[in-house]
């Protein structure tokens, strides 16, 4: 973009002042972050979306801590964990405290998990299902008795939905008022809630945190729904970080604002294909034709401005379980061969639904429409607001939907349940396979070479049935005025505040 010289000097002068102000915020220990989705309350079990969990992650004191790479955990409130097939023994660090200075003991751990396990509305109930009971054998020792082997439990214990909260608060407040934003619970994470409002959440550093104290003293989350407004505010110095900007806006950034992006360690965008008898896509040959006709490189460039990567398997590219079997480039000839003898051999029409509020979804469906036209499939794009889309998905009133699946770490349990398992009917596709369910259970219960073999069998079955078509890796793109050493986004999609 070009400007006249005088206007450029004026903008540079104003920009320098704003930059100094923004750096002043960071240097005095305050970070201001613009996001578009706030938690509905402070209950991590009721807030499953990425930005909600990113906030909860900064508050929650958990037995283990998720490493930024998403591939391992380290000790959090726990000093050690002794794993076993049907029992995990957790030893707590001594002299733990909540943010109000009260002692944190095994009693609080037991009370927290009992609360979560009995909460029928908890969105992470699947993470607690394998747990039979949790007991305290002394003030520093907790035993998790399991219904079945649960190798992913150390990852589960790091989730914000497994945060440890005071047993006295659970007893005093009851489930109705436990997460009242007017009176936030004492926290055991790196930050505590100072104030919770509809448009602003303020976190303060927890001086009693058992881990390394962050240099940041205060984190202020501001609700800014419009992504263009978030970008303008970070460029103007009103905020230090604009989360979730459009990748197509990356070219608009200018120093000192920089792009921050991260590919999810465990998340992909998919075309969810209606496998039900009512859809033409109940024929696996048509599903496979669509899969090889899709131009994943084009989707990455058009939708993500090249910030993502083509998805070539059931798993994210960086996942230890990824085994690519698709191509990033389309193969029209092969797609037409697959359509031979199907109801789409001599053209057909499919209904593709997408949310009118999703820029990425809107761009994706246009590319898909172009790609499928090349093999004789006419795609009718239907846009609607979110509630209507959800209704159509649950009713199976669609052929194609641009959706996705995501988890915060490279463990299989939740990701498989939502993607090819029975949670939400395998991304609303209607896909149901007893063999897939058996393999999911086998993957979730095994380790080492046994898990490798189970994953290989599951991947092969996914390739054979292909209920969903992977398109690209899930990517988060943000804009920052502060160095990544202070604030960054990781493959877990958590904000790492230091």
Protein backbone atom coordinates (compact mmCIF):
# COMPACT_ATOMS: atom_id res chain seq x y z
CA UNK A 1 0.00 0.00 0.00
CA UNK A 2 1.41 3.41 -0.95
CA UNK A 3 0.90 6.73 0.85
CA UNK A 4 1.88 10.36 0.32
CA UNK A 5 5.00 11.38 2.22
CA UNK A 6 3.40 13.75 4.75
CA UNK A 7 0.66 11.30 5.63
CA UNK A 8 3.29 8.59 6.04
CA UNK A 9 5.32 10.73 8.45
CA UNK A 10 2.19 11.46 10.51
CA UNK A 11 1.21 7.79 10.69
CA UNK A 12 4.76 6.79 11.62
CA UNK A 13 4.78 9.33 14.44
CA UNK A 14 1.43 8.22 15.82
CA UNK A 15 2.45 4.58 15.35
CA UNK A 16 5.64 5.13 17.33
CA UNK A 17 3.71 6.63 20.24
CA UNK A 18 1.22 3.78 20.24
CA UNK A 19 4.01 1.25 20.02
CA UNK A 20 5.69 2.79 23.05
CA UNK A 21 2.38 2.62 24.94
CA UNK A 22 1.86 -1.02 24.01
CA UNK A 23 5.40 -1.97 25.00
CA UNK A 24 4.81 -0.11 28.24
CA UNK A 25 1.88 -2.41 28.95
CA UNK A 26 4.05 -5.48 28.41
CA UNK A 27 7.00 -4.05 30.35
CA UNK A 28 4.87 -3.27 33.42
CA UNK A 29 3.63 -6.84 33.41
CA UNK A 30 0.21 -6.33 31.80
CA UNK A 31 -1.01 -8.07 28.64
CA UNK A 32 -4.23 -7.17 26.84
CA UNK A 33 -5.67 -9.87 24.59
CA UNK A 34 -8.58 -9.49 22.19
CA UNK A 35 -10.74 -12.57 21.59
CA UNK A 36 -14.23 -13.18 20.23
CA UNK A 37 -15.47 -15.98 22.48
CA UNK A 38 -15.76 -15.68 26.23
CA UNK A 39 -16.53 -18.44 28.74
CA UNK A 40 -20.20 -18.60 29.69
CA UNK A 41 -19.06 -19.08 33.30
CA UNK A 42 -15.89 -20.26 35.04
CA UNK A 43 -16.72 -23.98 34.89
CA UNK A 44 -14.17 -25.62 32.54
CA UNK A 45 -16.61 -28.48 31.95
CA UNK A 46 -19.06 -26.07 30.33
CA UNK A 47 -16.60 -24.26 28.07
CA UNK A 48 -15.27 -26.56 25.33
CA UNK A 49 -14.23 -24.05 22.68
CA UNK A 50 -10.61 -23.20 21.95
CA UNK A 51 -10.52 -19.64 23.29
CA UNK A 52 -12.54 -20.58 26.37
CA UNK A 53 -10.12 -23.37 27.19
CA UNK A 54 -7.15 -21.06 26.57
CA UNK A 55 -8.42 -18.83 29.40
CA UNK A 56 -9.18 -21.78 31.67
CA UNK A 57 -5.69 -23.14 31.02
CA UNK A 58 -4.15 -20.07 32.68
CA UNK A 59 -6.34 -20.45 35.77
CA UNK A 60 -6.49 -24.18 36.33
CA UNK A 61 -4.12 -25.86 38.73
CA UNK A 62 -3.82 -29.45 37.51
CA UNK A 63 -1.98 -32.55 38.66
CA UNK A 64 0.07 -32.60 35.46
CA UNK A 65 0.95 -29.82 33.03
CA UNK A 66 0.62 -29.95 29.27
CA UNK A 67 3.88 -29.28 27.44
CA UNK A 68 3.54 -26.69 24.62
CA UNK A 69 4.42 -29.28 21.96
CA UNK A 70 1.29 -31.24 22.88
CA UNK A 71 3.17 -34.54 22.95
CA UNK A 72 3.98 -34.95 26.63
CA UNK A 73 3.13 -33.82 30.13
CA UNK A 74 5.22 -32.82 33.13
CA UNK A 75 4.37 -32.75 36.81
CA UNK A 76 2.09 -29.93 37.94
CA UNK A 77 0.59 -30.15 41.43
CA UNK A 78 1.74 -33.77 41.47
CA UNK A 79 5.27 -34.63 42.53
CA UNK A 80 5.00 -38.05 40.89
CA UNK A 81 2.56 -40.43 39.23
CA UNK A 82 2.87 -44.18 39.45
CA UNK A 83 0.86 -45.66 36.57
CA UNK A 84 -0.75 -49.06 36.45
CA UNK A 85 -3.36 -50.99 34.47
CA UNK A 86 -6.17 -50.44 36.96
CA UNK A 87 -4.67 -47.95 39.42
CA UNK A 88 -2.72 -44.71 39.26
CA UNK A 89 -1.06 -43.43 42.44
CA UNK A 90 -0.48 -39.67 42.58
CA UNK A 91 1.84 -38.07 45.12
CA UNK A 92 1.24 -34.35 45.64
CA UNK A 93 3.96 -31.79 46.13
CA UNK A 94 4.20 -30.70 49.77
CA UNK A 95 2.89 -27.37 51.05
CA UNK A 96 0.61 -26.68 48.07
CA UNK A 97 -1.71 -23.68 48.37
CA UNK A 98 -4.61 -22.14 46.51
CA UNK A 99 -4.41 -18.49 45.48
CA UNK A 100 -6.10 -17.39 48.73
CA UNK A 101 -3.35 -19.05 50.77
CA UNK A 102 -5.44 -22.02 51.92
CA UNK A 103 -3.84 -25.46 51.88
CA UNK A 104 -4.36 -27.79 48.92
CA UNK A 105 -4.36 -31.47 49.89
CA UNK A 106 -5.52 -34.85 48.64
CA UNK A 107 -8.98 -34.07 50.04
CA UNK A 108 -9.37 -31.29 47.47
CA UNK A 109 -8.29 -33.60 44.65
CA UNK A 110 -10.86 -36.23 45.63
CA UNK A 111 -13.64 -33.66 46.04
CA UNK A 112 -12.84 -32.09 42.65
CA UNK A 113 -13.00 -35.37 40.74
CA UNK A 114 -16.10 -36.52 42.57
CA UNK A 115 -17.77 -33.29 41.53
CA UNK A 116 -16.75 -33.68 37.88
CA UNK A 117 -17.65 -37.38 37.74
CA UNK A 118 -21.14 -36.71 39.11
CA UNK A 119 -21.85 -33.65 36.95
CA UNK A 120 -24.19 -34.92 34.22
CA UNK A 121 -23.76 -31.69 32.22
CA UNK A 122 -19.97 -31.82 32.07
CA UNK A 123 -18.83 -31.62 28.46
CA UNK A 124 -15.74 -33.68 29.26
CA UNK A 125 -17.61 -36.56 30.90
CA UNK A 126 -15.89 -39.01 28.54
CA UNK A 127 -12.58 -38.23 30.26
CA UNK A 128 -13.95 -39.42 33.61
CA UNK A 129 -15.89 -42.49 32.43
CA UNK A 130 -12.93 -44.92 32.81
CA UNK A 131 -12.42 -43.81 36.45
CA UNK A 132 -14.12 -46.02 39.04
CA UNK A 133 -13.33 -43.87 42.05
CA UNK A 134 -10.73 -41.50 43.52
CA UNK A 135 -9.58 -41.91 47.11
CA UNK A 136 -7.11 -40.18 49.42
CA UNK A 137 -4.85 -42.47 51.44
CA UNK A 138 -3.16 -39.53 53.21
CA UNK A 139 -2.88 -35.77 52.78
CA UNK A 140 -0.41 -36.10 49.91
CA UNK A 141 -1.50 -39.34 48.23
CA UNK A 142 -4.40 -39.94 45.84
CA UNK A 143 -5.32 -43.21 44.16
CA UNK A 144 -7.28 -43.35 40.91
CA UNK A 145 -9.00 -46.73 40.69
CA UNK A 146 -9.91 -47.50 37.08
CA UNK A 147 -12.54 -49.59 35.31
CA UNK A 148 -10.07 -50.41 32.56
CA UNK A 149 -6.52 -49.52 31.51
CA UNK A 150 -6.31 -45.78 30.85
CA UNK A 151 -2.88 -44.88 29.36
CA UNK A 152 -4.01 -41.34 28.51
CA UNK A 153 -4.86 -40.45 32.12
CA UNK A 154 -1.70 -38.30 32.58
CA UNK A 155 -2.91 -36.16 29.62
CA UNK A 156 -6.44 -36.04 31.06
CA UNK A 157 -5.08 -34.81 34.39
CA UNK A 158 -3.54 -31.82 32.58
CA UNK A 159 -6.80 -30.60 31.05
CA UNK A 160 -8.45 -27.49 32.52
CA UNK A 161 -11.52 -29.69 33.01
CA UNK A 162 -9.46 -31.60 35.60
CA UNK A 163 -8.52 -28.52 37.63
CA UNK A 164 -8.29 -28.92 41.38
CA UNK A 165 -10.69 -26.73 43.33
CA UNK A 166 -11.19 -26.32 47.10
CA UNK A 167 -13.29 -29.02 48.74
CA UNK A 168 -14.66 -26.43 51.16
CA UNK A 169 -16.04 -24.38 48.26
CA UNK A 170 -17.77 -27.44 46.80
CA UNK A 171 -19.42 -28.15 50.16
CA UNK A 172 -20.30 -24.53 50.90
CA UNK A 173 -21.58 -23.40 47.52
CA UNK A 174 -23.07 -26.49 45.97
CA UNK A 175 -23.17 -27.15 42.23
CA UNK A 176 -25.49 -24.22 41.45
CA UNK A 177 -23.21 -21.44 42.68
CA UNK A 178 -19.83 -23.15 42.53
CA UNK A 179 -18.67 -21.22 39.47
CA UNK A 180 -20.34 -17.91 40.20
CA UNK A 181 -18.32 -15.28 38.36
CA UNK A 182 -19.03 -12.70 41.08
CA UNK A 183 -17.10 -14.83 43.56
CA UNK A 184 -14.44 -16.76 41.63
CA UNK A 185 -13.01 -19.88 43.22
CA UNK A 186 -9.48 -19.74 44.61
CA UNK A 187 -7.19 -21.08 41.89
CA UNK A 188 -4.08 -23.25 41.89
CA UNK A 189 -2.86 -22.33 38.41
CA UNK A 190 -0.40 -19.59 37.37
CA UNK A 191 -3.17 -16.96 37.43
CA UNK A 192 -6.32 -16.26 39.43
CA UNK A 193 -9.50 -14.48 38.38
CA UNK A 194 -9.66 -10.90 39.59
CA UNK A 195 -12.86 -10.01 37.74
CA UNK A 196 -15.22 -11.76 35.36
CA UNK A 197 -17.54 -9.78 33.12
CA UNK A 198 -19.36 -10.10 29.82
CA UNK A 199 -16.81 -7.98 27.94
CA UNK A 200 -13.66 -8.24 30.05
CA UNK A 201 -11.93 -10.85 32.17
CA UNK A 202 -8.94 -9.85 34.30
CA UNK A 203 -6.47 -12.39 35.63
CA UNK A 204 -3.81 -11.70 38.24
CA UNK A 205 -0.62 -13.67 38.85
CA UNK A 206 -1.06 -16.29 41.56
CA UNK A 207 1.73 -15.75 44.10
CA UNK A 208 1.09 -19.22 45.57
CA UNK A 209 1.49 -21.07 42.25
CA UNK A 210 3.59 -24.22 42.70
CA UNK A 211 5.35 -23.88 39.35
CA UNK A 212 7.58 -21.24 37.78
CA UNK A 213 6.09 -17.81 38.37
CA UNK A 214 5.28 -15.96 35.13
CA UNK A 215 6.82 -12.52 34.69
CA UNK A 216 3.43 -11.26 33.50
CA UNK A 217 1.44 -9.82 36.41
CA UNK A 218 -1.91 -9.16 34.77
CA UNK A 219 -3.72 -10.60 31.76
CA UNK A 220 -6.79 -8.75 30.50
CA UNK A 221 -9.04 -10.50 28.00
CA UNK A 222 -11.26 -8.17 26.01
CA UNK A 223 -14.25 -9.43 24.03
CA UNK A 224 -13.95 -8.06 20.49
CA UNK A 225 -16.22 -10.04 18.20
CA UNK A 226 -15.28 -8.43 14.87
CA UNK A 227 -11.90 -9.82 13.66
CA UNK A 228 -11.21 -6.61 11.71
CA UNK A 229 -11.72 -4.61 14.89
CA UNK A 230 -9.36 -6.92 16.80
CA UNK A 231 -6.72 -6.44 14.14
CA UNK A 232 -7.18 -2.66 14.12
CA UNK A 233 -6.84 -2.51 17.90
CA UNK A 234 -3.62 -4.51 17.98
CA UNK A 235 -2.18 -2.38 15.18
CA UNK A 236 -3.27 0.75 17.08
CA UNK A 237 -1.72 -0.44 20.35
CA UNK A 238 -4.99 -0.75 22.29
CA UNK A 239 -4.35 -4.46 22.78
CA UNK A 240 -1.18 -6.53 22.67
CA UNK A 241 -2.59 -9.64 20.99
CA UNK A 242 -5.44 -10.17 18.53
CA UNK A 243 -6.49 -13.80 18.59
CA UNK A 244 -8.08 -15.58 15.67
CA UNK A 245 -7.49 -13.16 12.80
CA UNK A 246 -8.22 -14.14 9.23
CA UNK A 247 -5.09 -15.62 7.56
CA UNK A 248 -5.90 -13.43 4.57
CA UNK A 249 -5.21 -10.37 6.76
CA UNK A 250 -1.63 -11.40 7.49
CA UNK A 251 -0.37 -9.22 4.63
CA UNK A 252 -1.84 -6.16 6.37
CA UNK A 253 0.41 -6.49 9.41
CA UNK A 254 3.25 -4.04 9.84
CA UNK A 255 5.99 -3.74 12.46
CA UNK A 256 5.96 -3.99 15.39
CA UNK A 257 2.92 -6.25 14.92
CA UNK A 258 3.85 -9.78 13.88
CA UNK A 259 1.92 -12.86 12.86
CA UNK A 260 1.73 -15.76 15.29
CA UNK A 261 0.50 -19.08 13.95
CA UNK A 262 0.38 -22.66 15.16
CA UNK A 263 -0.75 -25.91 13.59
CA UNK A 264 -2.82 -28.00 15.98
CA UNK A 265 -1.01 -31.09 17.20
CA UNK A 266 -4.30 -33.01 17.15
CA UNK A 267 -6.87 -31.41 14.87
CA UNK A 268 -8.01 -31.37 11.26
CA UNK A 269 -10.63 -29.75 9.09
CA UNK A 270 -12.86 -32.27 7.35
CA UNK A 271 -15.63 -32.52 4.83
CA UNK A 272 -18.21 -34.41 6.83
CA UNK A 273 -20.00 -36.76 4.40
CA UNK A 274 -23.54 -37.93 5.13
CA UNK A 275 -23.17 -41.71 5.28
CA UNK A 276 -26.91 -42.28 5.87
CA UNK A 277 -29.04 -44.18 3.34
CA UNK A 278 -30.89 -40.95 2.50
CA UNK A 279 -27.74 -39.46 0.96
CA UNK A 280 -25.95 -40.33 -2.27
CA UNK A 281 -22.83 -40.43 -0.14
CA UNK A 282 -23.91 -43.67 1.49
CA UNK A 283 -21.95 -45.14 -1.46
CA UNK A 284 -18.32 -45.30 -0.36
CA UNK A 285 -17.16 -45.09 -3.99
CA UNK A 286 -18.59 -41.57 -4.26
CA UNK A 287 -17.00 -40.61 -0.94
CA UNK A 288 -13.62 -41.82 -2.19
CA UNK A 289 -14.06 -39.98 -5.49
CA UNK A 290 -14.65 -36.76 -3.58
CA UNK A 291 -11.55 -37.42 -1.47
CA UNK A 292 -9.23 -37.73 -4.46
CA UNK A 293 -10.86 -34.83 -6.34
CA UNK A 294 -10.22 -32.31 -3.56
CA UNK A 295 -7.35 -29.88 -4.11
CA UNK A 296 -5.93 -29.57 -0.61
CA UNK A 297 -3.16 -27.22 -1.70
CA UNK A 298 -5.78 -24.88 -3.14
CA UNK A 299 -7.83 -24.97 0.05
CA UNK A 300 -4.72 -24.13 2.08
CA UNK A 301 -3.88 -21.17 -0.16
CA UNK A 302 -7.42 -19.80 -0.54
CA UNK A 303 -8.73 -20.42 2.97
CA UNK A 304 -5.58 -20.22 5.10
CA UNK A 305 -3.28 -18.03 2.96
CA UNK A 306 -0.74 -20.86 3.01
CA UNK A 307 -0.52 -20.82 6.82
CA UNK A 308 -1.81 -24.41 7.20
CA UNK A 309 -0.86 -27.71 5.56
CA UNK A 310 -2.85 -30.24 3.51
CA UNK A 311 -4.36 -33.04 5.60
CA UNK A 312 -3.45 -36.43 4.18
CA UNK A 313 -4.67 -38.84 6.86
CA UNK A 314 -7.09 -39.15 9.77
CA UNK A 315 -4.58 -37.42 12.04
CA UNK A 316 -2.86 -34.04 12.09
CA UNK A 317 0.41 -33.92 10.18
CA UNK A 318 2.52 -33.57 13.35
CA UNK A 319 0.71 -36.32 15.24
CA UNK A 320 2.64 -39.46 16.09
CA UNK A 321 -0.32 -41.44 14.70
CA UNK A 322 -0.37 -39.84 11.25
CA UNK A 323 -0.08 -42.22 8.29
CA UNK A 324 -0.70 -40.30 5.02
CA UNK A 325 -2.70 -42.04 2.30
CA UNK A 326 -4.19 -39.08 0.41
CA UNK A 327 -2.59 -36.64 -2.01
CA UNK A 328 -2.38 -32.88 -1.64
CA UNK A 329 -3.14 -32.58 -5.38
CA UNK A 330 -6.42 -33.57 -7.07
CA UNK A 331 -6.65 -36.62 -9.33
CA UNK A 332 -9.62 -36.07 -11.63
CA UNK A 333 -8.99 -39.20 -13.68
CA UNK A 334 -8.96 -41.45 -10.63
CA UNK A 335 -12.05 -39.73 -9.21
CA UNK A 336 -14.01 -40.40 -12.40
CA UNK A 337 -12.91 -44.04 -12.33
CA UNK A 338 -14.28 -44.35 -8.81
CA UNK A 339 -17.60 -42.82 -9.91
CA UNK A 340 -18.10 -45.45 -12.63
CA UNK A 341 -21.20 -47.52 -11.84
CA UNK A 342 -22.45 -45.12 -9.16
CA UNK A 343 -25.41 -42.74 -9.20
CA UNK A 344 -22.92 -39.95 -9.84
CA UNK A 345 -21.31 -41.56 -12.89
CA UNK A 346 -23.20 -39.27 -15.27
CA UNK A 347 -23.49 -36.25 -12.95
CA UNK A 348 -25.34 -35.74 -9.69
CA UNK A 349 -26.14 -32.97 -7.24
CA UNK A 350 -25.09 -32.67 -3.60
CA UNK A 351 -26.17 -30.25 -0.85
CA UNK A 352 -23.25 -28.62 0.98
CA UNK A 353 -24.15 -26.64 4.09
CA UNK A 354 -22.03 -24.05 5.89
CA UNK A 355 -22.45 -21.39 8.52
CA UNK A 356 -23.02 -17.90 7.15
CA UNK A 357 -20.79 -16.57 9.96
CA UNK A 358 -17.76 -18.69 9.07
CA UNK A 359 -15.31 -17.04 6.67
CA UNK A 360 -13.15 -20.18 6.50
CA UNK A 361 -16.18 -22.38 5.90
CA UNK A 362 -17.48 -20.05 3.20
CA UNK A 363 -14.15 -20.06 1.38
CA UNK A 364 -13.74 -23.82 1.73
CA UNK A 365 -17.09 -24.66 0.17
CA UNK A 366 -16.37 -22.52 -2.89
CA UNK A 367 -13.14 -24.43 -3.53
CA UNK A 368 -14.92 -27.74 -2.98
CA UNK A 369 -17.67 -26.69 -5.39
CA UNK A 370 -15.05 -25.97 -8.06
CA UNK A 371 -13.15 -29.20 -7.42
CA UNK A 372 -16.23 -31.42 -7.64
CA UNK A 373 -17.53 -29.69 -10.74
CA UNK A 374 -14.46 -31.08 -12.52
CA UNK A 375 -15.74 -34.64 -11.93
CA UNK A 376 -19.36 -33.94 -12.83
CA UNK A 377 -20.77 -33.37 -9.34
CA UNK A 378 -22.83 -30.22 -8.93
CA UNK A 379 -22.62 -28.76 -5.44
CA UNK A 380 -25.48 -26.65 -4.12
CA UNK A 381 -24.07 -24.42 -1.38
CA UNK A 382 -26.58 -23.55 1.34
CA UNK A 383 -25.62 -21.03 4.02
CA UNK A 384 -27.50 -20.52 7.28
CA UNK A 385 -26.93 -19.23 10.78
CA UNK A 386 -25.45 -21.54 13.39
CA UNK A 387 -28.62 -22.81 15.06
CA UNK A 388 -30.10 -23.87 11.73
CA UNK A 389 -26.86 -25.58 10.69
CA UNK A 390 -26.84 -27.53 13.96
CA UNK A 391 -30.43 -28.59 13.38
CA UNK A 392 -29.66 -29.80 9.85
CA UNK A 393 -26.61 -31.69 11.10
CA UNK A 394 -28.49 -33.52 13.83
CA UNK A 395 -31.31 -34.34 11.41
CA UNK A 396 -28.93 -35.52 8.68
CA UNK A 397 -30.41 -32.92 6.33
CA UNK A 398 -27.28 -32.42 4.20
CA UNK A 399 -24.79 -34.24 2.00
CA UNK A 400 -21.60 -32.33 2.83
CA UNK A 401 -20.53 -30.08 5.69
CA UNK A 402 -17.23 -28.30 6.23
CA UNK A 403 -16.37 -29.03 9.86
CA UNK A 404 -13.49 -30.22 11.96
CA UNK A 405 -12.29 -32.05 15.05
CA UNK A 406 -9.71 -30.98 17.60
CA UNK A 407 -8.09 -31.87 20.91
CA UNK A 408 -5.38 -30.09 22.87
CA UNK A 409 -2.76 -32.84 22.91
CA UNK A 410 -1.55 -35.84 20.95
CA UNK A 411 -3.63 -38.46 22.75
CA UNK A 412 -6.36 -40.39 20.92
CA UNK A 413 -9.28 -40.77 23.32
CA UNK A 414 -11.38 -37.67 22.75
CA UNK A 415 -10.31 -37.08 19.18
CA UNK A 416 -11.36 -40.56 18.04
CA UNK A 417 -14.62 -40.44 19.98
CA UNK A 418 -15.71 -37.24 18.25
CA UNK A 419 -14.22 -37.93 14.82
CA UNK A 420 -15.01 -41.56 13.99
CA UNK A 421 -16.73 -42.72 17.17
CA UNK A 422 -20.28 -42.25 18.32
CA UNK A 423 -19.96 -38.84 19.93
CA UNK A 424 -22.13 -36.61 17.71
CA UNK A 425 -22.41 -39.52 15.25
CA UNK A 426 -18.83 -39.21 14.01
CA UNK A 427 -18.87 -35.51 13.16
CA UNK A 428 -22.56 -35.76 12.21
CA UNK A 429 -21.75 -38.09 9.34
CA UNK A 430 -23.99 -40.86 10.67
CA UNK A 431 -21.07 -43.27 10.37
CA UNK A 432 -21.36 -46.22 12.73
CA UNK A 433 -19.06 -49.22 12.72
CA UNK A 434 -18.80 -51.84 15.46
CA UNK A 435 -15.32 -52.67 14.18
CA UNK A 436 -14.27 -49.01 14.38
CA UNK A 437 -15.66 -48.78 17.92
CA UNK A 438 -13.72 -51.92 18.88
CA UNK A 439 -10.51 -50.49 17.45
CA UNK A 440 -11.06 -47.15 19.21
CA UNK A 441 -11.36 -48.99 22.51
CA UNK A 442 -8.24 -51.02 21.72
CA UNK A 443 -6.24 -47.89 20.85
CA UNK A 444 -7.41 -46.16 24.04
CA UNK A 445 -6.50 -49.09 26.30
CA UNK A 446 -3.07 -50.08 24.95
CA UNK A 447 0.45 -48.70 24.76
CA UNK A 448 3.66 -49.34 22.84
CA UNK A 449 3.60 -51.88 20.01
CA UNK A 450 0.04 -52.96 20.87
CA UNK A 451 -1.21 -49.41 20.39
CA UNK A 452 0.82 -49.04 17.18
CA UNK A 453 -0.86 -52.14 15.77
CA UNK A 454 -4.30 -50.96 16.83
CA UNK A 455 -3.72 -47.51 15.29
CA UNK A 456 -2.55 -49.12 12.05
CA UNK A 457 -5.72 -51.23 11.89
CA UNK A 458 -7.88 -48.22 12.70
CA UNK A 459 -6.19 -46.10 10.04
CA UNK A 460 -6.71 -48.87 7.49
CA UNK A 461 -10.41 -49.10 8.34
CA UNK A 462 -10.77 -45.33 8.06
CA UNK A 463 -9.16 -45.41 4.62
CA UNK A 464 -11.49 -48.26 3.58
CA UNK A 465 -14.74 -46.68 4.88
CA UNK A 466 -13.75 -43.00 4.49
CA UNK A 467 -16.73 -41.48 6.33
CA UNK A 468 -14.98 -38.07 6.32
CA UNK A 469 -12.62 -36.35 3.90
CA UNK A 470 -9.60 -34.63 5.52
CA UNK A 471 -8.81 -31.25 3.95
CA UNK A 472 -6.27 -29.21 5.96
CA UNK A 473 -4.68 -29.05 9.37
CA UNK A 474 -6.38 -26.78 11.88
CA UNK A 475 -4.35 -23.60 12.25
CA UNK A 476 -4.62 -20.65 14.60
CA UNK A 477 -3.45 -17.29 13.29
CA UNK A 478 -3.05 -14.28 15.58
CA UNK A 479 -1.33 -10.90 15.60
CA UNK A 480 1.02 -9.81 18.38
CA UNK A 481 2.86 -6.70 19.51
CA UNK A 482 4.87 -8.58 22.15
CA UNK A 483 7.74 -11.05 21.78
CA UNK A 484 6.92 -14.75 21.64
CA UNK A 485 9.03 -15.19 24.79
CA UNK A 486 6.29 -13.33 26.69
CA UNK A 487 3.15 -14.52 24.90
CA UNK A 488 2.75 -17.16 22.24
CA UNK A 489 0.34 -19.77 20.93
CA UNK A 490 1.37 -23.41 20.90
CA UNK A 491 0.27 -26.52 18.97
CA UNK A 492 -2.05 -27.24 21.89
CA UNK A 493 -3.89 -24.03 20.88
CA UNK A 494 -3.32 -22.74 24.41
CA UNK A 495 -1.88 -19.27 25.00
CA UNK A 496 1.51 -19.59 26.67
CA UNK A 497 1.96 -16.60 28.98
CA UNK A 498 5.35 -16.22 30.62
